[in-house]
């Protein structure tokens, strides 16, 4: 069973209005908009997730996986200021 955590956060009024407009135009709830945005933000800042995503792209392109390249990419991402 999937549970949802309710929380309260403070965001600037202009950002709230942009999110409201996006929710209206995409016919999604505000919760869906904020959840998706936070999920994408977290994924972008997780070096393992970035590496896994790049590995999936390589796999889909049919290129062989290279352990050395993967390790270098991981180290580069770990030292990159996002």
Protein backbone atom coordinates (compact mmCIF):
# COMPACT_ATOMS: atom_id res chain seq x y z
CA UNK A 1 0.00 0.00 0.00
CA UNK A 2 1.31 3.45 -0.94
CA UNK A 3 0.97 6.23 1.60
CA UNK A 4 1.24 9.95 0.96
CA UNK A 5 2.94 12.29 3.40
CA UNK A 6 1.29 15.65 3.87
CA UNK A 7 3.63 18.56 4.51
CA UNK A 8 3.65 22.32 4.53
CA UNK A 9 6.33 24.33 2.77
CA UNK A 10 6.82 28.01 2.08
CA UNK A 11 7.56 29.10 -1.47
CA UNK A 12 7.64 32.53 -3.12
CA UNK A 13 4.29 33.81 -4.36
CA UNK A 14 5.45 34.04 -7.97
CA UNK A 15 6.57 30.40 -7.98
CA UNK A 16 3.27 29.34 -6.45
CA UNK A 17 1.38 31.18 -9.19
CA UNK A 18 3.49 29.54 -11.89
CA UNK A 19 2.78 26.12 -10.40
CA UNK A 20 -0.94 26.90 -10.17
CA UNK A 21 -1.01 27.92 -13.83
CA UNK A 22 0.84 24.78 -14.83
CA UNK A 23 -1.58 22.64 -12.84
CA UNK A 24 -4.53 24.31 -14.57
CA UNK A 25 -3.13 24.02 -18.08
CA UNK A 26 -2.02 20.39 -17.64
CA UNK A 27 -5.17 19.44 -15.72
CA UNK A 28 -3.11 18.01 -12.85
CA UNK A 29 -3.39 18.60 -9.16
CA UNK A 30 -1.02 20.93 -7.36
CA UNK A 31 0.25 17.89 -5.43
CA UNK A 32 1.09 16.11 -8.69
CA UNK A 33 2.99 19.15 -9.96
CA UNK A 34 5.02 19.60 -6.77
CA UNK A 35 5.66 15.85 -6.39
CA UNK A 36 6.92 15.52 -9.94
CA UNK A 37 9.11 18.61 -9.61
CA UNK A 38 10.65 17.38 -6.37
CA UNK A 39 11.16 13.87 -7.79
CA UNK A 40 13.00 15.31 -10.80
CA UNK A 41 15.11 17.61 -8.59
CA UNK A 42 16.10 14.75 -6.29
CA UNK A 43 16.96 12.52 -9.26
CA UNK A 44 19.17 15.20 -10.80
CA UNK A 45 21.13 15.55 -7.58
CA UNK A 46 21.67 11.83 -6.99
CA UNK A 47 24.95 10.82 -8.70
CA UNK A 48 23.96 7.14 -8.68
CA UNK A 49 20.65 7.90 -10.38
CA UNK A 50 22.41 10.02 -13.02
CA UNK A 51 24.91 7.24 -13.68
CA UNK A 52 22.13 4.65 -13.89
CA UNK A 53 20.21 6.85 -16.33
CA UNK A 54 23.30 7.27 -18.51
CA UNK A 55 23.92 3.53 -18.36
CA UNK A 56 20.33 2.91 -19.53
CA UNK A 57 20.85 5.28 -22.46
CA UNK A 58 24.02 3.44 -23.43
CA UNK A 59 22.23 0.09 -23.13
CA UNK A 60 19.35 1.32 -25.29
CA UNK A 61 21.80 2.63 -27.88
CA UNK A 62 23.36 -0.81 -28.08
CA UNK A 63 26.80 0.29 -26.96
CA UNK A 64 28.80 -2.05 -24.71
CA UNK A 65 29.15 -0.94 -21.10
CA UNK A 66 32.68 0.17 -20.18
CA UNK A 67 33.50 -0.13 -16.47
CA UNK A 68 36.35 2.39 -16.73
CA UNK A 69 34.14 4.98 -18.41
CA UNK A 70 31.37 4.39 -15.86
CA UNK A 71 33.79 4.86 -12.96
CA UNK A 72 35.26 8.03 -14.46
CA UNK A 73 31.78 9.39 -15.12
CA UNK A 74 30.72 8.61 -11.55
CA UNK A 75 33.79 10.38 -10.10
CA UNK A 76 33.24 13.36 -12.38
CA UNK A 77 29.59 13.66 -11.33
CA UNK A 78 30.50 13.35 -7.65
CA UNK A 79 32.84 16.32 -7.98
CA UNK A 80 30.52 18.43 -10.11
CA UNK A 81 28.73 21.27 -8.35
CA UNK A 82 25.10 20.99 -9.42
